Amino acid sequence: MAENLPAGWSINGNGAEKSWFRRFEFPEYARLRRFLDGLAELAEATGVHPDNIGFGKDYANVSLTVPSSEEEQARLGDFVSRLDRLFEEN
């Protein structure tokens, strides 16, 4: 899965503790708020929930643990693609 790391994402850790990380930056708080609301809806719809979300007035940091099964990795890849699209739309 690491070889298919989406653009803009980085890997933290190794082995069973590996996670994907991305910092999303926004020109204004209103866009950040829409993104966070969309992220919550996406997590509920897909069942993929970030391990950590940190945010300030113009950014959000998202960390996702990389699962070991290929099926779960595919779900994670789909979630990340949809999250990236959400960011581009905001």
N, C-alpha and C. Protein backbone atom coordinates (compact mmCIF):
# COMPACT_ATOMS: atom_id res chain seq x y z
N MET A 1 0.82 -1.20 0.00
CA MET A 1 0.00 0.00 0.00
C MET A 1 0.86 1.26 0.00
N ALA A 2 2.01 1.20 0.63
CA ALA A 2 2.88 2.37 0.68
C ALA A 2 3.28 2.81 -0.71
N GLU A 3 3.42 1.86 -1.64
CA GLU A 3 3.82 2.21 -2.99
C GLU A 3 2.74 3.01 -3.70
N ASN A 4 1.49 2.91 -3.24
CA ASN A 4 0.36 3.61 -3.85
C ASN A 4 -0.04 4.85 -3.06
N LEU A 5 0.88 5.40 -2.33
CA LEU A 5 0.59 6.56 -1.49
C LEU A 5 0.11 7.72 -2.37
N PRO A 6 -1.08 8.25 -2.07
CA PRO A 6 -1.61 9.35 -2.87
C PRO A 6 -0.75 10.61 -2.75
N ALA A 7 -0.78 11.42 -3.79
CA ALA A 7 -0.05 12.68 -3.79
C ALA A 7 -0.50 13.53 -2.62
N GLY A 8 0.45 14.17 -1.96
CA GLY A 8 0.14 15.05 -0.84
C GLY A 8 0.16 14.35 0.51
N TRP A 9 0.19 13.03 0.52
CA TRP A 9 0.19 12.25 1.75
C TRP A 9 1.60 11.75 2.04
N SER A 10 1.92 11.56 3.31
CA SER A 10 3.21 10.99 3.70
C SER A 10 2.96 9.82 4.65
N ILE A 11 4.00 9.02 4.85
CA ILE A 11 3.90 7.86 5.74
C ILE A 11 4.65 8.14 7.03
N ASN A 12 4.02 7.82 8.14
CA ASN A 12 4.65 7.89 9.45
C ASN A 12 4.72 6.48 10.01
N GLY A 13 5.80 6.15 10.70
CA GLY A 13 5.92 4.85 11.34
C GLY A 13 6.30 3.75 10.36
N ASN A 14 6.24 2.51 10.88
CA ASN A 14 6.54 1.35 10.05
C ASN A 14 5.82 0.12 10.60
N GLY A 15 5.80 -0.95 9.82
CA GLY A 15 5.16 -2.18 10.25
C GLY A 15 3.70 -1.97 10.59
N ALA A 16 3.26 -2.55 11.70
CA ALA A 16 1.86 -2.47 12.12
C ALA A 16 1.48 -1.07 12.57
N GLU A 17 2.45 -0.22 12.83
CA GLU A 17 2.18 1.13 13.31
C GLU A 17 2.20 2.18 12.20
N LYS A 18 2.17 1.76 10.96
CA LYS A 18 2.26 2.69 9.84
C LYS A 18 0.97 3.48 9.69
N SER A 19 1.11 4.78 9.42
CA SER A 19 -0.07 5.62 9.17
C SER A 19 0.21 6.59 8.03
N TRP A 20 -0.87 7.01 7.39
CA TRP A 20 -0.81 8.04 6.36
C TRP A 20 -1.14 9.37 7.03
N PHE A 21 -0.46 10.42 6.59
CA PHE A 21 -0.65 11.74 7.18
C PHE A 21 -0.75 12.78 6.06
N ARG A 22 -1.64 13.75 6.24
CA ARG A 22 -1.70 14.89 5.33
C ARG A 22 -2.16 16.12 6.10
N ARG A 23 -1.54 17.22 5.75
CA ARG A 23 -1.95 18.53 6.27
C ARG A 23 -2.72 19.23 5.15
N PHE A 24 -3.94 19.64 5.44
CA PHE A 24 -4.77 20.38 4.51
C PHE A 24 -4.78 21.83 4.96
N GLU A 25 -4.47 22.76 4.07
CA GLU A 25 -4.43 24.17 4.42
C GLU A 25 -5.53 24.94 3.68
N PHE A 26 -6.10 25.92 4.37
CA PHE A 26 -7.26 26.66 3.87
C PHE A 26 -7.02 28.16 3.97
N PRO A 27 -7.54 28.93 3.01
CA PRO A 27 -7.34 30.37 3.05
C PRO A 27 -8.24 31.07 4.08
N GLU A 28 -9.28 30.38 4.53
CA GLU A 28 -10.19 30.99 5.50
C GLU A 28 -10.88 29.90 6.33
N TYR A 29 -11.31 30.30 7.52
CA TYR A 29 -11.91 29.35 8.46
C TYR A 29 -13.19 28.72 7.91
N ALA A 30 -14.00 29.46 7.18
CA ALA A 30 -15.26 28.92 6.66
C ALA A 30 -15.01 27.69 5.78
N ARG A 31 -13.98 27.73 4.98
CA ARG A 31 -13.65 26.57 4.13
C ARG A 31 -13.18 25.40 4.97
N LEU A 32 -12.38 25.68 5.98
CA LEU A 32 -11.94 24.63 6.90
C LEU A 32 -13.15 23.97 7.55
N ARG A 33 -14.10 24.78 8.01
CA ARG A 33 -15.30 24.25 8.69
C ARG A 33 -16.10 23.34 7.76
N ARG A 34 -16.28 23.75 6.50
CA ARG A 34 -16.99 22.91 5.53
C ARG A 34 -16.26 21.60 5.32
N PHE A 35 -14.94 21.67 5.25
CA PHE A 35 -14.12 20.47 5.07
C PHE A 35 -14.30 19.52 6.26
N LEU A 36 -14.23 20.06 7.48
CA LEU A 36 -14.38 19.21 8.67
C LEU A 36 -15.77 18.58 8.74
N ASP A 37 -16.80 19.33 8.39
CA ASP A 37 -18.15 18.77 8.35
C ASP A 37 -18.24 17.66 7.31
N GLY A 38 -17.66 17.91 6.14
CA GLY A 38 -17.65 16.89 5.08
C GLY A 38 -16.85 15.67 5.48
N LEU A 39 -15.75 15.87 6.18
CA LEU A 39 -14.93 14.75 6.68
C LEU A 39 -15.74 13.89 7.63
N ALA A 40 -16.49 14.51 8.53
CA ALA A 40 -17.33 13.76 9.46
C ALA A 40 -18.39 12.95 8.72
N GLU A 41 -19.03 13.55 7.73
CA GLU A 41 -20.04 12.84 6.94
C GLU A 41 -19.42 11.68 6.17
N LEU A 42 -18.24 11.91 5.58
CA LEU A 42 -17.55 10.87 4.83
C LEU A 42 -17.17 9.70 5.74
N ALA A 43 -16.68 9.99 6.92
CA ALA A 43 -16.31 8.93 7.87
C ALA A 43 -17.53 8.09 8.25
N GLU A 44 -18.65 8.74 8.51
CA GLU A 44 -19.87 8.01 8.86
C GLU A 44 -20.35 7.16 7.68
N ALA A 45 -20.27 7.70 6.48
CA ALA A 45 -20.76 7.00 5.29
C ALA A 45 -19.90 5.79 4.93
N THR A 46 -18.59 5.91 5.15
CA THR A 46 -17.67 4.85 4.72
C THR A 46 -17.26 3.90 5.84
N GLY A 47 -17.41 4.33 7.08
CA GLY A 47 -16.95 3.52 8.21
C GLY A 47 -15.45 3.62 8.42
N VAL A 48 -14.79 4.51 7.69
CA VAL A 48 -13.35 4.75 7.87
C VAL A 48 -13.22 6.01 8.71
N HIS A 49 -12.60 5.88 9.88
CA HIS A 49 -12.48 7.01 10.79
C HIS A 49 -11.01 7.33 11.04
N PRO A 50 -10.62 8.59 10.83
CA PRO A 50 -9.23 8.97 11.10
C PRO A 50 -8.85 8.67 12.55
N ASP A 51 -7.58 8.34 12.76
CA ASP A 51 -7.08 8.10 14.10
C ASP A 51 -6.84 9.40 14.84
N ASN A 52 -6.52 10.43 14.07
CA ASN A 52 -6.23 11.71 14.68
C ASN A 52 -6.58 12.82 13.69
N ILE A 53 -7.28 13.83 14.19
CA ILE A 53 -7.56 15.04 13.42
C ILE A 53 -7.18 16.20 14.32
N GLY A 54 -6.27 17.02 13.85
CA GLY A 54 -5.89 18.23 14.56
C GLY A 54 -6.14 19.40 13.64
N PHE A 55 -6.63 20.51 14.19
CA PHE A 55 -6.88 21.65 13.30
C PHE A 55 -6.70 22.96 14.04
N GLY A 56 -6.46 24.00 13.25
CA GLY A 56 -6.35 25.36 13.73
C GLY A 56 -7.21 26.22 12.84
N LYS A 57 -7.00 27.52 12.86
CA LYS A 57 -7.88 28.42 12.11
C LYS A 57 -7.76 28.28 10.59
N ASP A 58 -6.66 27.70 10.10
CA ASP A 58 -6.49 27.60 8.65
C ASP A 58 -5.88 26.27 8.19
N TYR A 59 -5.97 25.24 9.00
CA TYR A 59 -5.42 23.94 8.59
C TYR A 59 -6.11 22.80 9.34
N ALA A 60 -5.97 21.61 8.75
CA ALA A 60 -6.41 20.37 9.41
C ALA A 60 -5.36 19.31 9.12
N ASN A 61 -4.91 18.62 10.15
CA ASN A 61 -4.00 17.49 10.01
C ASN A 61 -4.80 16.21 10.20
N VAL A 62 -4.63 15.26 9.29
CA VAL A 62 -5.38 14.01 9.34
C VAL A 62 -4.41 12.84 9.31
N SER A 63 -4.55 11.90 10.25
CA SER A 63 -3.75 10.68 10.30
C SER A 63 -4.66 9.47 10.23
N LEU A 64 -4.29 8.50 9.41
CA LEU A 64 -5.06 7.27 9.22
C LEU A 64 -4.13 6.07 9.33
N THR A 65 -4.42 5.15 10.22
CA THR A 65 -3.63 3.94 10.34
C THR A 65 -3.84 3.07 9.11
N VAL A 66 -2.75 2.55 8.56
CA VAL A 66 -2.83 1.67 7.40
C VAL A 66 -3.13 0.25 7.89
N PRO A 67 -4.29 -0.31 7.52
CA PRO A 67 -4.64 -1.65 7.97
C PRO A 67 -3.81 -2.72 7.26
N SER A 68 -3.80 -3.92 7.81
CA SER A 68 -2.99 -5.00 7.23
C SER A 68 -3.69 -5.73 6.09
N SER A 69 -5.01 -5.81 6.10
CA SER A 69 -5.69 -6.58 5.05
C SER A 69 -5.83 -5.75 3.77
N GLU A 70 -5.78 -6.43 2.65
CA GLU A 70 -5.91 -5.74 1.37
C GLU A 70 -7.28 -5.11 1.20
N GLU A 71 -8.32 -5.78 1.71
CA GLU A 71 -9.67 -5.24 1.61
C GLU A 71 -9.78 -3.92 2.37
N GLU A 72 -9.25 -3.88 3.57
CA GLU A 72 -9.29 -2.65 4.38
C GLU A 72 -8.40 -1.57 3.77
N GLN A 73 -7.30 -1.97 3.16
CA GLN A 73 -6.42 -1.00 2.50
C GLN A 73 -7.14 -0.36 1.32
N ALA A 74 -7.93 -1.16 0.59
CA ALA A 74 -8.70 -0.62 -0.53
C ALA A 74 -9.74 0.38 -0.03
N ARG A 75 -10.39 0.09 1.10
CA ARG A 75 -11.34 1.03 1.69
C ARG A 75 -10.64 2.32 2.09
N LEU A 76 -9.44 2.19 2.66
CA LEU A 76 -8.68 3.37 3.05
C LEU A 76 -8.31 4.20 1.82
N GLY A 77 -7.87 3.54 0.76
CA GLY A 77 -7.53 4.25 -0.48
C GLY A 77 -8.72 5.01 -1.04
N ASP A 78 -9.89 4.39 -1.02
CA ASP A 78 -11.11 5.04 -1.50
C ASP A 78 -11.45 6.24 -0.62
N PHE A 79 -11.34 6.07 0.70
CA PHE A 79 -11.62 7.16 1.63
C PHE A 79 -10.69 8.35 1.37
N VAL A 80 -9.41 8.07 1.20
CA VAL A 80 -8.42 9.14 0.97
C VAL A 80 -8.72 9.86 -0.35
N SER A 81 -9.06 9.12 -1.39
CA SER A 81 -9.40 9.75 -2.67
C SER A 81 -10.60 10.67 -2.52
N ARG A 82 -11.60 10.21 -1.80
CA ARG A 82 -12.80 11.02 -1.59
C ARG A 82 -12.51 12.22 -0.70
N LEU A 83 -11.63 12.05 0.28
CA LEU A 83 -11.24 13.17 1.15
C LEU A 83 -10.45 14.21 0.35
N ASP A 84 -9.57 13.77 -0.51
CA ASP A 84 -8.82 14.70 -1.35
C ASP A 84 -9.76 15.48 -2.27
N ARG A 85 -10.77 14.81 -2.83
CA ARG A 85 -11.75 15.50 -3.68
C ARG A 85 -12.54 16.53 -2.87
N LEU A 86 -12.90 16.15 -1.65
CA LEU A 86 -13.60 17.08 -0.76
C LEU A 86 -12.76 18.34 -0.53
N PHE A 87 -11.48 18.15 -0.30
CA PHE A 87 -10.58 19.29 -0.10
C PHE A 87 -10.55 20.17 -1.35
N GLU A 88 -10.44 19.56 -2.51
CA GLU A 88 -10.37 20.33 -3.76
C GLU A 88 -11.66 21.12 -4.00
N GLU A 89 -12.79 20.59 -3.54
CA GLU A 89 -14.07 21.26 -3.74
C GLU A 89 -14.28 22.43 -2.79
N ASN A 90 -13.52 22.46 -1.69
CA ASN A 90 -13.69 23.53 -0.70
C ASN A 90 -12.76 24.64 -0.97
